[in-house]
Amino acid sequence: MLRLDYLDQFGALLEKSLSSDETYDAVLGILEQVIDYNSATLFINDPVTNRLEVSQSHGQGIVDLIVEVTFERGEGLSGWVASQHAPVIFSAIHTENRDSRFHSLVSMPLWSEDRLLGVLNLGHSRSGFYRQEHKPEFQKLASQLSMIVEQLRLRDELKAKNSRLEELLAELRTAQQALVEKERLAAIGEVVVKIKHEINNPLSVIIGFVDLLSMECPEALPEFAANLAKIKTAAKQIESLTKALENVESSQAEEYHAGVKMLKID
């Protein structure tokens, strides 16, 4: 029934850089060489909802029966087969609907130890095409498919964990940079306090004496008064600079002139 010489192609699929959906689609394509079917549907068990979801389907429509009935793992035959641990074969499906797409069906639950991975359904239009004596062969096929689904699941989990790890590392680098910046600003703050103390005290004396000399300067010495005004203006600029240092929020440096960088003060 099964051409087992084709099954080694399944392993080769895992060596390719395909997504899970692309791999499942290729698996159903290989199955067309292994066993004849008119329609095939692969259901994958969602680990979050613990329900079967259609992953890939070849042929006309979804392969299933009793779709009106809901079981623990999902609707229809697949939801019931999910609780089994061996292929279920319906050799001859009798229906009054002459337009029915298939009259023989095999449903294979895919397990990895005690973990349900999915269900594969194959449908054929010919009654009696799948028979009970083929069950051992379908069990081998289900085992092969289970290994593929399990490896893809583990690969996707690893990708998700690696992605999360990269996010955490990026957050850690950001936090480290923020900590370094905070330490730099703390050091700058200590320097600012020292600068203000060492500069503002003598600066206040300078400005005070300039004001005193300006009041006592004779009108006959306009040039001297102008020079005093220049001294006061320069002193005020220094005072303004020391105040600006209080508002430094970053240790970022900017180019002062060619080859020389200084702390950026807005």
Protein backbone atom coordinates (compact mmCIF):
# COMPACT_ATOMS: atom_id res chain seq x y z
CA MET A 1 0.00 0.00 0.00
CA LEU A 2 2.67 2.49 1.05
CA ARG A 3 5.83 3.10 -0.96
CA LEU A 4 8.18 3.33 2.00
CA ASP A 5 11.17 4.12 -0.24
CA TYR A 6 9.87 7.69 -0.42
CA LEU A 7 9.72 8.22 3.33
CA ASP A 8 13.41 9.20 3.56
CA GLN A 9 12.44 12.42 1.75
CA PHE A 10 10.69 13.55 4.95
CA GLY A 11 14.00 13.77 6.79
CA ALA A 12 15.52 15.83 3.98
CA LEU A 13 12.78 18.43 4.41
CA LEU A 14 13.99 19.25 7.92
CA GLU A 15 17.41 20.19 6.54
CA LYS A 16 15.90 22.92 4.38
CA SER A 17 15.20 26.45 5.57
CA LEU A 18 11.44 26.16 5.24
CA SER A 19 8.75 27.48 7.54
CA SER A 20 6.52 24.98 9.31
CA ASP A 21 3.65 25.66 6.88
CA GLU A 22 5.96 25.22 3.88
CA THR A 23 7.28 21.96 5.33
CA TYR A 24 3.78 20.60 5.96
CA ASP A 25 2.76 21.52 2.43
CA ALA A 26 5.83 19.68 1.08
CA VAL A 27 4.99 16.67 3.27
CA LEU A 28 1.55 16.36 1.71
CA GLY A 29 3.20 16.66 -1.70
CA ILE A 30 5.53 13.75 -0.89
CA LEU A 31 2.57 11.73 0.39
CA GLU A 32 1.05 11.93 -3.08
CA GLN A 33 4.03 9.81 -4.22
CA VAL A 34 3.75 7.47 -1.22
CA ILE A 35 0.03 6.77 -1.25
CA ASP A 36 -2.84 7.65 -3.51
CA TYR A 37 -5.43 10.08 -2.15
CA ASN A 38 -7.93 12.55 -3.53
CA SER A 39 -7.85 14.87 -0.54
CA ALA A 40 -5.54 15.26 2.46
CA THR A 41 -5.86 17.46 5.51
CA LEU A 42 -3.28 17.94 8.25
CA PHE A 43 -4.55 19.20 11.61
CA ILE A 44 -2.01 20.52 14.13
CA ASN A 45 -2.81 20.67 17.83
CA ASP A 46 -2.56 24.21 19.20
CA PRO A 47 -0.60 23.90 22.48
CA VAL A 48 -2.32 27.00 23.88
CA THR A 49 -5.95 26.05 23.23
CA ASN A 50 -5.26 22.27 23.06
CA ARG A 51 -7.52 22.16 20.01
CA LEU A 52 -6.89 20.89 16.50
CA GLU A 53 -6.48 23.53 13.80
CA VAL A 54 -6.24 22.96 10.04
CA SER A 55 -2.63 23.50 8.99
CA GLN A 56 -2.54 22.27 5.38
CA SER A 57 -5.02 20.76 2.97
CA HIS A 58 -4.55 19.26 -0.49
CA GLY A 59 -7.38 18.38 -2.81
CA GLN A 60 -10.96 19.59 -2.62
CA GLY A 61 -11.91 20.87 0.80
CA ILE A 62 -11.25 19.58 4.31
CA VAL A 63 -11.14 15.81 4.84
CA ASP A 64 -13.36 14.98 7.83
CA LEU A 65 -16.59 13.31 8.90
CA ILE A 66 -19.37 14.04 11.42
CA VAL A 67 -18.31 17.71 11.39
CA GLU A 68 -21.47 18.64 13.23
CA VAL A 69 -20.21 16.90 16.38
CA THR A 70 -17.68 18.53 18.71
CA PHE A 71 -15.23 16.50 20.78
CA GLU A 72 -12.68 17.51 23.39
CA ARG A 73 -9.92 18.19 20.88
CA GLY A 74 -12.06 19.67 18.13
CA GLU A 75 -14.96 19.15 15.79
CA GLY A 76 -15.72 16.14 13.64
CA LEU A 77 -13.90 12.85 13.21
CA SER A 78 -10.49 14.42 13.83
CA GLY A 79 -11.58 15.61 17.27
CA TRP A 80 -12.52 12.02 18.16
CA VAL A 81 -9.48 10.35 16.55
CA ALA A 82 -7.25 12.68 18.54
CA SER A 83 -8.01 10.59 21.63
CA GLN A 84 -6.87 7.41 19.86
CA HIS A 85 -3.30 6.16 19.54
CA ALA A 86 -3.62 4.23 16.30
CA PRO A 87 -4.89 4.95 12.78
CA VAL A 88 -8.63 4.67 12.25
CA ILE A 89 -9.71 3.34 8.85
CA PHE A 90 -13.13 3.72 7.28
CA SER A 91 -12.86 1.37 4.33
CA ALA A 92 -16.30 2.00 2.88
CA ILE A 93 -18.27 5.13 3.63
CA HIS A 94 -21.89 4.77 2.55
CA THR A 95 -23.75 7.97 1.88
CA GLU A 96 -26.86 8.94 -0.02
CA ASN A 97 -25.00 11.94 -1.38
CA ARG A 98 -23.66 10.83 -4.77
CA ASP A 99 -21.57 13.95 -4.93
CA SER A 100 -19.60 12.96 -1.83
CA ARG A 101 -15.90 13.63 -2.41
CA PHE A 102 -14.63 10.41 -0.80
CA HIS A 103 -15.89 6.96 0.09
CA SER A 104 -12.82 5.64 1.90
CA LEU A 105 -10.94 7.44 4.63
CA VAL A 106 -8.01 6.93 6.99
CA SER A 107 -7.39 9.17 10.00
CA MET A 108 -3.97 9.03 11.70
CA PRO A 109 -3.41 10.61 15.14
CA LEU A 110 0.12 11.98 15.52
CA TRP A 111 1.64 11.54 18.96
CA SER A 112 4.98 12.17 20.62
CA GLU A 113 4.89 10.01 23.76
CA ASP A 114 1.92 11.48 25.68
CA ARG A 115 1.72 14.70 23.64
CA LEU A 116 -0.86 15.01 20.86
CA LEU A 117 0.73 16.74 17.87
CA GLY A 118 -2.02 16.54 15.28
CA VAL A 119 -4.14 14.38 13.00
CA LEU A 120 -3.70 13.53 9.32
CA ASN A 121 -6.76 12.59 7.29
CA LEU A 122 -6.62 11.04 3.82
CA GLY A 123 -9.73 10.64 1.69
CA HIS A 124 -10.25 8.62 -1.49
CA SER A 125 -13.20 8.62 -3.85
CA ARG A 126 -13.07 4.83 -4.29
CA SER A 127 -14.87 2.73 -1.70
CA GLY A 128 -12.62 0.10 -0.11
CA PHE A 129 -9.39 1.80 -1.20
CA TYR A 130 -8.08 1.98 2.39
CA ARG A 131 -8.47 -1.33 4.22
CA GLN A 132 -7.86 -2.60 7.73
CA GLU A 133 -4.85 -4.71 6.66
CA HIS A 134 -3.07 -1.47 5.78
CA LYS A 135 -3.19 -0.30 9.39
CA PRO A 136 0.43 -1.27 10.29
CA GLU A 137 1.71 0.68 7.30
CA PHE A 138 -0.32 3.73 8.26
CA GLN A 139 1.04 3.41 11.80
CA LYS A 140 4.61 3.60 10.38
CA LEU A 141 3.63 6.61 8.34
CA ALA A 142 2.07 8.29 11.39
CA SER A 143 5.30 7.68 13.35
CA GLN A 144 7.36 9.32 10.60
CA LEU A 145 5.03 12.30 10.44
CA SER A 146 4.99 12.62 14.23
CA MET A 147 8.78 12.97 14.28
CA ILE A 148 8.59 15.73 11.66
CA VAL A 149 5.85 17.63 13.50
CA GLU A 150 7.66 17.27 16.82
CA GLN A 151 10.96 18.55 15.40
CA LEU A 152 9.20 21.49 13.77
CA ARG A 153 7.44 22.24 17.04
CA LEU A 154 10.75 22.16 18.92
CA ARG A 155 12.37 24.33 16.25
CA ASP A 156 9.59 26.91 16.44
CA GLU A 157 9.79 26.91 20.24
CA LEU A 158 13.56 27.44 20.03
CA LYS A 159 13.09 30.31 17.57
CA ALA A 160 10.53 31.91 19.86
CA LYS A 161 12.83 31.53 22.88
CA ASN A 162 15.80 32.91 20.94
CA SER A 163 13.70 35.85 19.80
CA ARG A 164 12.61 36.50 23.38
CA LEU A 165 16.22 36.17 24.55
CA GLU A 166 17.31 38.76 21.98
CA GLU A 167 14.58 41.09 23.24
CA LEU A 168 15.73 40.60 26.85
CA LEU A 169 19.37 41.19 25.86
CA ALA A 170 18.35 44.39 24.06
CA GLU A 171 16.45 45.51 27.17
CA LEU A 172 19.48 44.64 29.31
CA ARG A 173 21.81 46.65 27.07
CA THR A 174 19.41 49.59 27.24
CA ALA A 175 19.27 49.31 31.03
CA GLN A 176 23.07 49.10 31.23
CA GLN A 177 23.44 52.16 29.02
CA ALA A 178 20.93 54.03 31.18
CA LEU A 179 22.87 53.03 34.31
CA VAL A 180 26.16 54.18 32.83
CA GLU A 181 24.53 57.45 31.76
CA LYS A 182 23.12 57.89 35.26
CA GLU A 183 26.54 57.34 36.80
CA ARG A 184 28.10 59.81 34.37
CA LEU A 185 25.48 62.42 35.17
CA ALA A 186 26.05 61.85 38.88
CA ALA A 187 29.78 62.46 38.37
CA ILE A 188 29.02 65.56 36.29
CA GLY A 189 26.69 66.78 39.03
CA GLU A 190 29.48 66.55 41.59
CA VAL A 191 31.77 68.54 39.29
CA VAL A 192 29.03 71.14 38.73
CA VAL A 193 28.65 71.70 42.47
CA LYS A 194 32.41 72.17 42.80
CA ILE A 195 32.56 74.53 39.82
CA LYS A 196 29.69 76.65 41.07
CA HIS A 197 31.26 76.95 44.49
CA GLU A 198 34.75 77.77 43.20
CA ILE A 199 33.58 80.16 40.47
CA ASN A 200 30.44 81.85 41.76
CA ASN A 201 31.98 83.09 45.01
CA PRO A 202 34.78 85.13 43.39
CA LEU A 203 32.42 85.99 40.53
CA SER A 204 29.98 87.61 42.96
CA VAL A 205 32.84 89.70 44.33
CA ILE A 206 33.82 90.81 40.82
CA ILE A 207 30.28 91.81 39.89
CA GLY A 208 29.83 93.62 43.21
CA PHE A 209 32.98 95.69 42.77
CA VAL A 210 32.09 96.45 39.14
CA ASP A 211 28.73 97.80 40.27
CA LEU A 212 30.44 99.85 43.00
CA LEU A 213 33.02 101.30 40.61
CA SER A 214 30.29 102.05 38.05
CA MET A 215 28.37 104.13 40.62
CA GLU A 216 31.51 106.01 41.61
CA CYS A 217 32.87 106.48 38.09
CA PRO A 218 32.95 110.18 37.05
CA GLU A 219 30.97 111.14 33.98
CA ALA A 220 34.19 112.53 32.60
CA LEU A 221 35.52 108.96 32.14
CA PRO A 222 33.04 107.37 29.69
CA GLU A 223 35.66 104.94 28.33
CA PHE A 224 36.34 103.58 31.84
CA ALA A 225 32.60 103.13 32.42
CA ALA A 226 32.30 101.25 29.14
CA ASN A 227 35.11 98.88 30.17
CA LEU A 228 33.38 98.24 33.48
CA ALA A 229 30.21 97.35 31.57
CA LYS A 230 32.17 94.88 29.45
CA ILE A 231 33.61 93.25 32.57
CA LYS A 232 30.15 92.91 34.08
CA THR A 233 28.75 91.44 30.83
CA ALA A 234 31.53 88.84 30.72
CA ALA A 235 30.97 88.01 34.40
CA LYS A 236 27.24 87.56 33.79
CA GLN A 237 28.03 85.19 30.91
CA ILE A 238 30.11 83.07 33.25
CA GLU A 239 27.29 83.16 35.81
CA SER A 240 24.81 82.07 33.13
CA LEU A 241 27.08 79.17 32.16
CA THR A 242 27.30 77.86 35.72
CA LYS A 243 23.49 77.97 35.96
CA ALA A 244 23.19 76.08 32.64
CA LEU A 245 25.35 73.31 34.10
CA GLU A 246 22.60 72.65 36.66
CA ASN A 247 20.25 71.62 33.83
CA VAL A 248 22.57 69.15 32.09
CA GLU A 249 20.48 66.02 31.38
CA SER A 250 22.91 64.05 29.23
CA SER A 251 26.62 63.29 29.17
CA GLN A 252 26.58 63.63 25.39
CA ALA A 253 29.58 65.47 23.93
CA GLU A 254 29.69 67.74 20.91
CA GLU A 255 32.60 68.89 18.77
CA TYR A 256 33.97 72.18 20.06
CA HIS A 257 36.48 72.53 17.26
CA ALA A 258 38.44 70.11 15.05
CA GLY A 259 39.46 67.09 17.11
CA VAL A 260 38.14 68.47 20.42
CA LYS A 261 34.82 67.47 22.00
CA MET A 262 33.21 69.06 25.01
CA LEU A 263 30.15 68.38 27.14
CA LYS A 264 26.99 69.47 25.36
CA ILE A 265 25.19 72.19 27.29
CA ASP A 266 21.78 73.29 25.91
